[in-house]
Amino acid sequence: VFLSQSASLVVALLFLVPIVFIKKTSFRISRRDALILFI
């Protein structure tokens, strides 16, 4: 379970991060938003 999900999330990040760069989206978020995203 944990190993397969780790691998799938790595794949997802390899897909998501380049798109964020292409769209020139700022990575900066507030502490409140970071906490909500973590939860």
Full PDB file with SEQRES, HELIX, SHEET, SSBOND, CRYST1, ORIGX, SCALE, CONECT and MASTER records, all heavy atoms in Angstrom:
SEQRES   1 A   39  VAL PHE LEU SER GLN SER ALA SER LEU VAL VAL ALA LEU          
SEQRES   2 A   39  LEU PHE LEU VAL PRO ILE VAL PHE ILE LYS LYS THR SER          
SEQRES   3 A   39  PHE ARG ILE SER ARG ARG ASP ALA LEU ILE LEU PHE ILE          
HELIX    1 AA1 PHE A    2  ILE A   22  1                                  21    
HELIX    2 AA2 ARG A   31  PHE A   38  1                                   8    
CRYST1    1.000    1.000    1.000  90.00  90.00  90.00 P 1           1          
ORIGX1      1.000000  0.000000  0.000000        0.00000                         
ORIGX2      0.000000  1.000000  0.000000        0.00000                         
ORIGX3      0.000000  0.000000  1.000000        0.00000                         
SCALE1      1.000000  0.000000  0.000000        0.00000                         
SCALE2      0.000000  1.000000  0.000000        0.00000                         
SCALE3      0.000000  0.000000  1.000000        0.00000                         
ATOM      1  N   VAL A   1       0.817  -1.217   0.000  1.00  0.00           N  
ATOM      2  CA  VAL A   1       0.000   0.000   0.000  1.00  0.00           C  
ATOM      3  C   VAL A   1       0.850   1.266   0.000  1.00  0.00           C  
ATOM      4  O   VAL A   1       0.728   2.124  -0.888  1.00  0.00           O  
ATOM      5  CB  VAL A   1      -0.962   0.001   1.204  1.00  0.00           C  
ATOM      6  CG1 VAL A   1      -1.633   1.368   1.347  1.00  0.00           C  
ATOM      7  CG2 VAL A   1      -2.011  -1.083   1.047  1.00  0.00           C  
ATOM      8  N   PHE A   2       1.711   1.433   0.985  1.00  0.00           N  
ATOM      9  CA  PHE A   2       2.455   2.685   1.131  1.00  0.00           C  
ATOM     10  C   PHE A   2       3.455   2.874  -0.009  1.00  0.00           C  
ATOM     11  O   PHE A   2       3.629   3.986  -0.515  1.00  0.00           O  
ATOM     12  CB  PHE A   2       3.179   2.722   2.483  1.00  0.00           C  
ATOM     13  CG  PHE A   2       2.256   2.830   3.655  1.00  0.00           C  
ATOM     14  CD1 PHE A   2       1.934   1.713   4.406  1.00  0.00           C  
ATOM     15  CD2 PHE A   2       1.695   4.054   4.000  1.00  0.00           C  
ATOM     16  CE1 PHE A   2       1.074   1.809   5.486  1.00  0.00           C  
ATOM     17  CE2 PHE A   2       0.834   4.162   5.078  1.00  0.00           C  
ATOM     18  CZ  PHE A   2       0.512   3.038   5.826  1.00  0.00           C  
ATOM     19  N   LEU A   3       4.087   1.807  -0.429  1.00  0.00           N  
ATOM     20  CA  LEU A   3       5.079   1.897  -1.504  1.00  0.00           C  
ATOM     21  C   LEU A   3       4.408   2.250  -2.830  1.00  0.00           C  
ATOM     22  O   LEU A   3       4.895   3.109  -3.579  1.00  0.00           O  
ATOM     23  CB  LEU A   3       5.839   0.579  -1.622  1.00  0.00           C  
ATOM     24  CG  LEU A   3       7.065   0.574  -2.530  1.00  0.00           C  
ATOM     25  CD1 LEU A   3       8.090   1.594  -2.064  1.00  0.00           C  
ATOM     26  CD2 LEU A   3       7.684  -0.821  -2.558  1.00  0.00           C  
ATOM     27  N   SER A   4       3.291   1.608  -3.128  1.00  0.00           N  
ATOM     28  CA  SER A   4       2.593   1.875  -4.393  1.00  0.00           C  
ATOM     29  C   SER A   4       2.054   3.295  -4.437  1.00  0.00           C  
ATOM     30  O   SER A   4       2.116   3.973  -5.470  1.00  0.00           O  
ATOM     31  CB  SER A   4       1.453   0.879  -4.592  1.00  0.00           C  
ATOM     32  OG  SER A   4       0.470   1.007  -3.579  1.00  0.00           O  
ATOM     33  N   GLN A   5       1.548   3.788  -3.301  1.00  0.00           N  
ATOM     34  CA  GLN A   5       1.022   5.150  -3.269  1.00  0.00           C  
ATOM     35  C   GLN A   5       2.136   6.185  -3.344  1.00  0.00           C  
ATOM     36  O   GLN A   5       1.969   7.246  -3.953  1.00  0.00           O  
ATOM     37  CB  GLN A   5       0.167   5.349  -2.018  1.00  0.00           C  
ATOM     38  CG  GLN A   5      -1.113   4.541  -2.012  1.00  0.00           C  
ATOM     39  CD  GLN A   5      -1.918   4.717  -3.277  1.00  0.00           C  
ATOM     40  OE1 GLN A   5      -2.344   5.827  -3.608  1.00  0.00           O  
ATOM     41  NE2 GLN A   5      -2.119   3.638  -4.020  1.00  0.00           N  
ATOM     42  N   SER A   6       3.269   5.909  -2.737  1.00  0.00           N  
ATOM     43  CA  SER A   6       4.418   6.811  -2.858  1.00  0.00           C  
ATOM     44  C   SER A   6       4.811   6.959  -4.324  1.00  0.00           C  
ATOM     45  O   SER A   6       5.037   8.071  -4.814  1.00  0.00           O  
ATOM     46  CB  SER A   6       5.607   6.278  -2.053  1.00  0.00           C  
ATOM     47  OG  SER A   6       5.324   6.242  -0.683  1.00  0.00           O  
ATOM     48  N   ALA A   7       4.869   5.831  -5.028  1.00  0.00           N  
ATOM     49  CA  ALA A   7       5.247   5.852  -6.447  1.00  0.00           C  
ATOM     50  C   ALA A   7       4.226   6.612  -7.276  1.00  0.00           C  
ATOM     51  O   ALA A   7       4.580   7.407  -8.161  1.00  0.00           O  
ATOM     52  CB  ALA A   7       5.389   4.416  -6.960  1.00  0.00           C  
ATOM     53  N   SER A   8       2.925   6.384  -7.006  1.00  0.00           N  
ATOM     54  CA  SER A   8       1.886   7.058  -7.790  1.00  0.00           C  
ATOM     55  C   SER A   8       1.907   8.568  -7.555  1.00  0.00           C  
ATOM     56  O   SER A   8       1.661   9.356  -8.482  1.00  0.00           O  
ATOM     57  CB  SER A   8       0.503   6.490  -7.449  1.00  0.00           C  
ATOM     58  OG  SER A   8       0.096   6.861  -6.152  1.00  0.00           O  
ATOM     59  N   LEU A   9       2.229   8.993  -6.342  1.00  0.00           N  
ATOM     60  CA  LEU A   9       2.272  10.422  -6.044  1.00  0.00           C  
ATOM     61  C   LEU A   9       3.499  11.079  -6.668  1.00  0.00           C  
ATOM     62  O   LEU A   9       3.448  12.250  -7.070  1.00  0.00           O  
ATOM     63  CB  LEU A   9       2.251  10.641  -4.531  1.00  0.00           C  
ATOM     64  CG  LEU A   9       0.921  10.263  -3.858  1.00  0.00           C  
ATOM     65  CD1 LEU A   9       1.067  10.252  -2.347  1.00  0.00           C  
ATOM     66  CD2 LEU A   9      -0.185  11.212  -4.279  1.00  0.00           C  
ATOM     67  N   VAL A  10       4.596  10.342  -6.755  1.00  0.00           N  
ATOM     68  CA  VAL A  10       5.773  10.851  -7.474  1.00  0.00           C  
ATOM     69  C   VAL A  10       5.419  11.080  -8.937  1.00  0.00           C  
ATOM     70  O   VAL A  10       5.765  12.107  -9.534  1.00  0.00           O  
ATOM     71  CB  VAL A  10       6.959   9.875  -7.344  1.00  0.00           C  
ATOM     72  CG1 VAL A  10       8.083  10.276  -8.311  1.00  0.00           C  
ATOM     73  CG2 VAL A  10       7.485   9.857  -5.914  1.00  0.00           C  
ATOM     74  N   VAL A  11       4.709  10.122  -9.530  1.00  0.00           N  
ATOM     75  CA  VAL A  11       4.260  10.254 -10.925  1.00  0.00           C  
ATOM     76  C   VAL A  11       3.375  11.484 -11.082  1.00  0.00           C  
ATOM     77  O   VAL A  11       3.512  12.258 -12.040  1.00  0.00           O  
ATOM     78  CB  VAL A  11       3.486   8.986 -11.365  1.00  0.00           C  
ATOM     79  CG1 VAL A  11       2.812   9.215 -12.723  1.00  0.00           C  
ATOM     80  CG2 VAL A  11       4.418   7.787 -11.433  1.00  0.00           C  
ATOM     81  N   ALA A  12       2.448  11.680 -10.128  1.00  0.00           N  
ATOM     82  CA  ALA A  12       1.550  12.829 -10.190  1.00  0.00           C  
ATOM     83  C   ALA A  12       2.325  14.142 -10.129  1.00  0.00           C  
ATOM     84  O   ALA A  12       2.016  15.093 -10.867  1.00  0.00           O  
ATOM     85  CB  ALA A  12       0.544  12.760  -9.045  1.00  0.00           C  
ATOM     86  N   LEU A  13       3.340  14.211  -9.274  1.00  0.00           N  
ATOM     87  CA  LEU A  13       4.137  15.436  -9.164  1.00  0.00           C  
ATOM     88  C   LEU A  13       4.942  15.693 -10.441  1.00  0.00           C  
ATOM     89  O   LEU A  13       5.099  16.848 -10.865  1.00  0.00           O  
ATOM     90  CB  LEU A  13       5.081  15.345  -7.966  1.00  0.00           C  
ATOM     91  CG  LEU A  13       4.436  15.558  -6.596  1.00  0.00           C  
ATOM     92  CD1 LEU A  13       5.450  15.298  -5.487  1.00  0.00           C  
ATOM     93  CD2 LEU A  13       3.877  16.982  -6.474  1.00  0.00           C  
ATOM     94  N   LEU A  14       5.445  14.630 -11.050  1.00  0.00           N  
ATOM     95  CA  LEU A  14       6.163  14.786 -12.321  1.00  0.00           C  
ATOM     96  C   LEU A  14       5.240  15.323 -13.414  1.00  0.00           C  
ATOM     97  O   LEU A  14       5.696  15.926 -14.388  1.00  0.00           O  
ATOM     98  CB  LEU A  14       6.757  13.443 -12.759  1.00  0.00           C  
ATOM     99  CG  LEU A  14       7.904  12.901 -11.897  1.00  0.00           C  
ATOM    100  CD1 LEU A  14       8.304  11.504 -12.363  1.00  0.00           C  
ATOM    101  CD2 LEU A  14       9.099  13.849 -11.944  1.00  0.00           C  
ATOM    102  N   PHE A  15       3.956  15.113 -13.237  1.00  0.00           N  
ATOM    103  CA  PHE A  15       2.948  15.597 -14.176  1.00  0.00           C  
ATOM    104  C   PHE A  15       2.508  17.024 -13.819  1.00  0.00           C  
ATOM    105  O   PHE A  15       2.329  17.873 -14.692  1.00  0.00           O  
ATOM    106  CB  PHE A  15       1.745  14.649 -14.153  1.00  0.00           C  
ATOM    107  CG  PHE A  15       0.625  15.033 -15.081  1.00  0.00           C  
ATOM    108  CD1 PHE A  15       0.706  14.766 -16.436  1.00  0.00           C  
ATOM    109  CD2 PHE A  15      -0.511  15.647 -14.588  1.00  0.00           C  
ATOM    110  CE1 PHE A  15      -0.329  15.123 -17.288  1.00  0.00           C  
ATOM    111  CE2 PHE A  15      -1.548  16.005 -15.428  1.00  0.00           C  
ATOM    112  CZ  PHE A  15      -1.461  15.734 -16.784  1.00  0.00           C  
ATOM    113  N   LEU A  16       2.379  17.318 -12.515  1.00  0.00           N  
ATOM    114  CA  LEU A  16       1.821  18.590 -12.065  1.00  0.00           C  
ATOM    115  C   LEU A  16       2.827  19.737 -12.052  1.00  0.00           C  
ATOM    116  O   LEU A  16       2.523  20.854 -12.488  1.00  0.00           O  
ATOM    117  CB  LEU A  16       1.232  18.430 -10.660  1.00  0.00           C  
ATOM    118  CG  LEU A  16      -0.050  17.601 -10.539  1.00  0.00           C  
ATOM    119  CD1 LEU A  16      -0.330  17.272  -9.073  1.00  0.00           C  
ATOM    120  CD2 LEU A  16      -1.223  18.346 -11.152  1.00  0.00           C  
ATOM    121  N   VAL A  17       4.032  19.472 -11.534  1.00  0.00           N  
ATOM    122  CA  VAL A  17       5.015  20.549 -11.363  1.00  0.00           C  
ATOM    123  C   VAL A  17       5.371  21.233 -12.688  1.00  0.00           C  
ATOM    124  O   VAL A  17       5.387  22.478 -12.755  1.00  0.00           O  
ATOM    125  CB  VAL A  17       6.283  20.013 -10.658  1.00  0.00           C  
ATOM    126  CG1 VAL A  17       7.369  21.095 -10.631  1.00  0.00           C  
ATOM    127  CG2 VAL A  17       5.946  19.582  -9.233  1.00  0.00           C  
ATOM    128  N   PRO A  18       5.652  20.493 -13.775  1.00  0.00           N  
ATOM    129  CA  PRO A  18       5.944  21.182 -15.043  1.00  0.00           C  
ATOM    130  C   PRO A  18       4.784  22.053 -15.524  1.00  0.00           C  
ATOM    131  O   PRO A  18       5.019  23.123 -16.098  1.00  0.00           O  
ATOM    132  CB  PRO A  18       6.197  20.016 -16.019  1.00  0.00           C  
ATOM    133  CG  PRO A  18       6.619  18.880 -15.155  1.00  0.00           C  
ATOM    134  CD  PRO A  18       5.825  19.027 -13.903  1.00  0.00           C  
ATOM    135  N   ILE A  19       3.545  21.605 -15.276  1.00  0.00           N  
ATOM    136  CA  ILE A  19       2.395  22.406 -15.703  1.00  0.00           C  
ATOM    137  C   ILE A  19       2.329  23.709 -14.922  1.00  0.00           C  
ATOM    138  O   ILE A  19       2.015  24.769 -15.472  1.00  0.00           O  
ATOM    139  CB  ILE A  19       1.088  21.599 -15.532  1.00  0.00           C  
ATOM    140  CG1 ILE A  19       1.101  20.360 -16.425  1.00  0.00           C  
ATOM    141  CG2 ILE A  19      -0.130  22.464 -15.857  1.00  0.00           C  
ATOM    142  CD1 ILE A  19      -0.128  19.479 -16.269  1.00  0.00           C  
ATOM    143  N   VAL A  20       2.642  23.646 -13.618  1.00  0.00           N  
ATOM    144  CA  VAL A  20       2.662  24.860 -12.795  1.00  0.00           C  
ATOM    145  C   VAL A  20       3.716  25.832 -13.315  1.00  0.00           C  
ATOM    146  O   VAL A  20       3.479  27.046 -13.401  1.00  0.00           O  
ATOM    147  CB  VAL A  20       2.930  24.506 -11.318  1.00  0.00           C  
ATOM    148  CG1 VAL A  20       3.109  25.779 -10.494  1.00  0.00           C  
ATOM    149  CG2 VAL A  20       1.782  23.680 -10.745  1.00  0.00           C  
ATOM    150  N   PHE A  21       4.875  25.298 -13.708  1.00  0.00           N  
ATOM    151  CA  PHE A  21       5.934  26.151 -14.265  1.00  0.00           C  
ATOM    152  C   PHE A  21       5.501  26.756 -15.597  1.00  0.00           C  
ATOM    153  O   PHE A  21       5.726  27.943 -15.857  1.00  0.00           O  
ATOM    154  CB  PHE A  21       7.223  25.343 -14.447  1.00  0.00           C  
ATOM    155  CG  PHE A  21       8.107  25.333 -13.233  1.00  0.00           C  
ATOM    156  CD1 PHE A  21       8.263  24.167 -12.493  1.00  0.00           C  
ATOM    157  CD2 PHE A  21       8.765  26.479 -12.822  1.00  0.00           C  
ATOM    158  CE1 PHE A  21       9.059  24.139 -11.363  1.00  0.00           C  
ATOM    159  CE2 PHE A  21       9.580  26.463 -11.693  1.00  0.00           C  
ATOM    160  CZ  PHE A  21       9.726  25.292 -10.965  1.00  0.00           C  
ATOM    161  N   ILE A  22       4.893  25.936 -16.457  1.00  0.00           N  
ATOM    162  CA  ILE A  22       4.464  26.413 -17.781  1.00  0.00           C  
ATOM    163  C   ILE A  22       3.449  27.544 -17.652  1.00  0.00           C  
ATOM    164  O   ILE A  22       3.481  28.527 -18.389  1.00  0.00           O  
ATOM    165  CB  ILE A  22       3.883  25.242 -18.604  1.00  0.00           C  
ATOM    166  CG1 ILE A  22       4.997  24.252 -18.968  1.00  0.00           C  
ATOM    167  CG2 ILE A  22       3.190  25.754 -19.871  1.00  0.00           C  
ATOM    168  CD1 ILE A  22       4.489  22.981 -19.614  1.00  0.00           C  
ATOM    169  N   LYS A  23       2.543  27.401 -16.686  1.00  0.00           N  
ATOM    170  CA  LYS A  23       1.522  28.426 -16.474  1.00  0.00           C  
ATOM    171  C   LYS A  23       2.052  29.621 -15.689  1.00  0.00           C  
ATOM    172  O   LYS A  23       1.312  30.584 -15.438  1.00  0.00           O  
ATOM    173  CB  LYS A  23       0.319  27.813 -15.748  1.00  0.00           C  
ATOM    174  CG  LYS A  23      -0.502  26.879 -16.621  1.00  0.00           C  
ATOM    175  CD  LYS A  23      -1.730  26.398 -15.875  1.00  0.00           C  
ATOM    176  CE  LYS A  23      -2.652  25.626 -16.801  1.00  0.00           C  
ATOM    177  NZ  LYS A  23      -3.288  26.516 -17.813  1.00  0.00           N  
ATOM    178  N   LYS A  24       3.329  29.550 -15.289  1.00  0.00           N  
ATOM    179  CA  LYS A  24       3.988  30.635 -14.555  1.00  0.00           C  
ATOM    180  C   LYS A  24       3.206  31.008 -13.294  1.00  0.00           C  
ATOM    181  O   LYS A  24       3.024  32.187 -12.971  1.00  0.00           O  
ATOM    182  CB  LYS A  24       4.157  31.855 -15.461  1.00  0.00           C  
ATOM    183  CG  LYS A  24       5.041  31.590 -16.674  1.00  0.00           C  
ATOM    184  CD  LYS A  24       5.189  32.824 -17.541  1.00  0.00           C  
ATOM    185  CE  LYS A  24       6.084  32.537 -18.739  1.00  0.00           C  
ATOM    186  NZ  LYS A  24       6.224  33.737 -19.627  1.00  0.00           N  
ATOM    187  N   THR A  25       2.756  29.985 -12.590  1.00  0.00           N  
ATOM    188  CA  THR A  25       2.017  30.184 -11.347  1.00  0.00           C  
ATOM    189  C   THR A  25       2.985  30.362 -10.189  1.00  0.00           C  
ATOM    190  O   THR A  25       3.962  29.617 -10.066  1.00  0.00           O  
ATOM    191  CB  THR A  25       1.110  28.971 -11.054  1.00  0.00           C  
ATOM    192  OG1 THR A  25       0.235  28.766 -12.161  1.00  0.00           O  
ATOM    193  CG2 THR A  25       0.279  29.200  -9.805  1.00  0.00           C  
ATOM    194  N   SER A  26       2.726  31.340  -9.348  1.00  0.00           N  
ATOM    195  CA  SER A  26       3.580  31.561  -8.187  1.00  0.00           C  
ATOM    196  C   SER A  26       3.389  30.443  -7.169  1.00  0.00           C  
ATOM    197  O   SER A  26       2.263  30.015  -6.904  1.00  0.00           O  
ATOM    198  CB  SER A  26       3.241  32.912  -7.541  1.00  0.00           C  
ATOM    199  OG  SER A  26       3.943  33.072  -6.325  1.00  0.00           O  
ATOM    200  N   PHE A  27       4.498  29.980  -6.601  1.00  0.00           N  
ATOM    201  CA  PHE A  27       4.438  28.905  -5.615  1.00  0.00           C  
ATOM    202  C   PHE A  27       4.148  29.433  -4.207  1.00  0.00           C  
ATOM    203  O   PHE A  27       3.925  28.654  -3.293  1.00  0.00           O  
ATOM    204  CB  PHE A  27       5.765  28.128  -5.594  1.00  0.00           C  
ATOM    205  CG  PHE A  27       5.951  27.214  -6.765  1.00  0.00           C  
ATOM    206  CD1 PHE A  27       6.455  27.699  -7.960  1.00  0.00           C  
ATOM    207  CD2 PHE A  27       5.624  25.872  -6.681  1.00  0.00           C  
ATOM    208  CE1 PHE A  27       6.628  26.857  -9.049  1.00  0.00           C  
ATOM    209  CE2 PHE A  27       5.797  25.021  -7.761  1.00  0.00           C  
ATOM    210  CZ  PHE A  27       6.290  25.520  -8.953  1.00  0.00           C  
ATOM    211  N   ARG A  28       4.128  30.734  -4.036  1.00  0.00           N  
ATOM    212  CA  ARG A  28       3.967  31.325  -2.721  1.00  0.00           C  
ATOM    213  C   ARG A  28       2.513  31.227  -2.252  1.00  0.00           C  
ATOM    214  O   ARG A  28       1.584  31.551  -2.990  1.00  0.00           O  
ATOM    215  CB  ARG A  28       4.408  32.791  -2.741  1.00  0.00           C  
ATOM    216  CG  ARG A  28       5.889  32.986  -3.051  1.00  0.00           C  
ATOM    217  CD  ARG A  28       6.274  34.444  -2.951  1.00  0.00           C  
ATOM    218  NE  ARG A  28       6.099  34.954  -1.585  1.00  0.00           N  
ATOM    219  CZ  ARG A  28       6.360  36.213  -1.226  1.00  0.00           C  
ATOM    220  NH1 ARG A  28       6.794  37.088  -2.137  1.00  0.00           N  
ATOM    221  NH2 ARG A  28       6.198  36.596   0.011  1.00  0.00           N  
ATOM    222  N   ILE A  29       2.332  30.780  -1.026  1.00  0.00           N  
ATOM    223  CA  ILE A  29       1.011  30.712  -0.408  1.00  0.00           C  
ATOM    224  C   ILE A  29       1.123  31.188   1.040  1.00  0.00           C  
ATOM    225  O   ILE A  29       2.210  31.165   1.617  1.00  0.00           O  
ATOM    226  CB  ILE A  29       0.422  29.280  -0.440  1.00  0.00           C  
ATOM    227  CG1 ILE A  29       1.384  28.293   0.215  1.00  0.00           C  
ATOM    228  CG2 ILE A  29       0.075  28.856  -1.851  1.00  0.00           C  
ATOM    229  CD1 ILE A  29       0.829  26.882   0.326  1.00  0.00           C  
ATOM    230  N   SER A  30       0.029  31.592   1.611  1.00  0.00           N  
ATOM    231  CA  SER A  30       0.040  32.074   2.991  1.00  0.00           C  
ATOM    232  C   SER A  30       0.173  30.903   3.956  1.00  0.00           C  
ATOM    233  O   SER A  30      -0.052  29.749   3.593  1.00  0.00           O  
ATOM    234  CB  SER A  30      -1.240  32.856   3.291  1.00  0.00           C  
ATOM    235  OG  SER A  30      -2.364  31.984   3.265  1.00  0.00           O  
ATOM    236  N   ARG A  31       0.525  31.206   5.191  1.00  0.00           N  
ATOM    237  CA  ARG A  31       0.646  30.145   6.204  1.00  0.00           C  
ATOM    238  C   ARG A  31      -0.704  29.481   6.452  1.00  0.00           C  
ATOM    239  O   ARG A  31      -0.767  28.271   6.662  1.00  0.00           O  
ATOM    240  CB  ARG A  31       1.182  30.736   7.500  1.00  0.00           C  
ATOM    241  CG  ARG A  31       2.638  31.186   7.416  1.00  0.00           C  
ATOM    242  CD  ARG A  31       3.120  31.691   8.769  1.00  0.00           C  
ATOM    243  NE  ARG A  31       4.527  32.118   8.707  1.00  0.00           N  
ATOM    244  CZ  ARG A  31       5.192  32.616   9.750  1.00  0.00           C  
ATOM    245  NH1 ARG A  31       4.561  32.757  10.929  1.00  0.00           N  
ATOM    246  NH2 ARG A  31       6.441  32.966   9.625  1.00  0.00           N  
ATOM    247  N   ARG A  32      -1.777  30.284   6.432  1.00  0.00           N  
ATOM    248  CA  ARG A  32      -3.114  29.726   6.645  1.00  0.00           C  
ATOM    249  C   ARG A  32      -3.469  28.736   5.543  1.00  0.00           C  
ATOM    250  O   ARG A  32      -3.966  27.642   5.813  1.00  0.00           O  
ATOM    251  CB  ARG A  32      -4.143  30.858   6.692  1.00  0.00           C  
ATOM    252  CG  ARG A  32      -5.590  30.360   6.870  1.00  0.00           C  
ATOM    253  CD  ARG A  32      -6.556  31.529   6.874  1.00  0.00           C  
ATOM    254  NE  ARG A  32      -7.924  31.059   7.013  1.00  0.00           N  
ATOM    255  CZ  ARG A  32      -8.675  30.652   5.995  1.00  0.00           C  
ATOM    256  NH1 ARG A  32      -8.161  30.650   4.766  1.00  0.00           N  
ATOM    257  NH2 ARG A  32      -9.914  30.241   6.210  1.00  0.00           N  
ATOM    258  N   ASP A  33      -3.216  29.123   4.281  1.00  0.00           N  
ATOM    259  CA  ASP A  33      -3.510  28.225   3.164  1.00  0.00           C  
ATOM    260  C   ASP A  33      -2.634  26.976   3.214  1.00  0.00           C  
ATOM    261  O   ASP A  33      -3.091  25.872   2.897  1.00  0.00           O  
ATOM    262  CB  ASP A  33      -3.307  28.945   1.829  1.00  0.00           C  
ATOM    263  CG  ASP A  33      -4.413  29.957   1.551  1.00  0.00           C  
ATOM    264  OD1 ASP A  33      -5.540  29.753   2.035  1.00  0.00           O  
ATOM    265  OD2 ASP A  33      -4.137  30.947   0.850  1.00  0.00           O  
ATOM    266  N   ALA A  34      -1.368  27.152   3.619  1.00  0.00           N  
ATOM    267  CA  ALA A  34      -0.465  25.999   3.723  1.00  0.00           C  
ATOM    268  C   ALA A  34      -0.976  25.009   4.768  1.00  0.00           C  
ATOM    269  O   ALA A  34      -0.926  23.787   4.567  1.00  0.00           O  
ATOM    270  CB  ALA A  34       0.938  26.458   4.083  1.00  0.00           C  
ATOM    271  N   LEU A  35      -1.496  25.535   5.879  1.00  0.00           N  
ATOM    272  CA  LEU A  35      -2.034  24.668   6.928  1.00  0.00           C  
ATOM    273  C   LEU A  35      -3.270  23.919   6.439  1.00  0.00           C  
ATOM    274  O   LEU A  35      -3.410  22.712   6.676  1.00  0.00           O  
ATOM    275  CB  LEU A  35      -2.373  25.499   8.163  1.00  0.00           C  
ATOM    276  CG  LEU A  35      -3.013  24.735   9.339  1.00  0.00           C  
ATOM    277  CD1 LEU A  35      -2.074  23.645   9.840  1.00  0.00           C  
ATOM    278  CD2 LEU A  35      -3.380  25.700  10.464  1.00  0.00           C  
ATOM    279  N   ILE A  36      -4.156  24.634   5.742  1.00  0.00           N  
ATOM    280  CA  ILE A  36      -5.361  23.985   5.212  1.00  0.00           C  
ATOM    281  C   ILE A  36      -4.992  22.911   4.202  1.00  0.00           C  
ATOM    282  O   ILE A  36      -5.560  21.813   4.199  1.00  0.00           O  
ATOM    283  CB  ILE A  36      -6.300  25.032   4.581  1.00  0.00           C  
ATOM    284  CG1 ILE A  36      -6.841  25.971   5.654  1.00  0.00           C  
ATOM    285  CG2 ILE A  36      -7.467  24.342   3.853  1.00  0.00           C  
ATOM    286  CD1 ILE A  36      -7.669  27.125   5.101  1.00  0.00           C  
ATOM    287  N   LEU A  37      -4.033  23.205   3.337  1.00  0.00           N  
ATOM    288  CA  LEU A  37      -3.594  22.221   2.336  1.00  0.00           C  
ATOM    289  C   LEU A  37      -2.962  21.004   3.002  1.00  0.00           C  
ATOM    290  O   LEU A  37      -3.150  19.872   2.553  1.00  0.00           O  
ATOM    291  CB  LEU A  37      -2.606  22.871   1.367  1.00  0.00           C  
ATOM    292  CG  LEU A  37      -3.208  23.882   0.382  1.00  0.00           C  
ATOM    293  CD1 LEU A  37      -2.108  24.666  -0.314  1.00  0.00           C  
ATOM    294  CD2 LEU A  37      -4.097  23.172  -0.633  1.00  0.00           C  
ATOM    295  N   PHE A  38      -2.206  21.247   4.078  1.00  0.00           N  
ATOM    296  CA  PHE A  38      -1.595  20.128   4.809  1.00  0.00           C  
ATOM    297  C   PHE A  38      -2.679  19.243   5.426  1.00  0.00           C  
ATOM    298  O   PHE A  38      -2.589  18.009   5.380  1.00  0.00           O  
ATOM    299  CB  PHE A  38      -0.660  20.657   5.894  1.00  0.00           C  
ATOM    300  CG  PHE A  38      -0.007  19.569   6.707  1.00  0.00           C  
ATOM    301  CD1 PHE A  38       1.130  18.926   6.242  1.00  0.00           C  
ATOM    302  CD2 PHE A  38      -0.539  19.186   7.934  1.00  0.00           C  
ATOM    303  CE1 PHE A  38       1.726  17.909   6.985  1.00  0.00           C  
ATOM    304  CE2 PHE A  38       0.045  18.179   8.678  1.00  0.00           C  
ATOM    305  CZ  PHE A  38       1.182  17.531   8.201  1.00  0.00           C  
ATOM    306  N   ILE A  39      -3.705  19.868   6.017  1.00  0.00           N  
ATOM    307  CA  ILE A  39      -4.803  19.090   6.610  1.00  0.00           C  
ATOM    308  C   ILE A  39      -5.565  18.337   5.532  1.00  0.00           C  
ATOM    309  O   ILE A  39      -5.961  17.181   5.719  1.00  0.00           O  
ATOM    310  CB  ILE A  39      -5.747  20.025   7.395  1.00  0.00           C  
ATOM    311  CG1 ILE A  39      -5.008  20.655   8.580  1.00  0.00           C  
ATOM    312  CG2 ILE A  39      -6.969  19.256   7.899  1.00  0.00           C  
ATOM    313  CD1 ILE A  39      -5.806  21.717   9.307  1.00  0.00           C  
TER     314      ILE A  39                                                      
MASTER        0    0    0    2    0    0    0    6  313    1    0    3          
END                                                                             
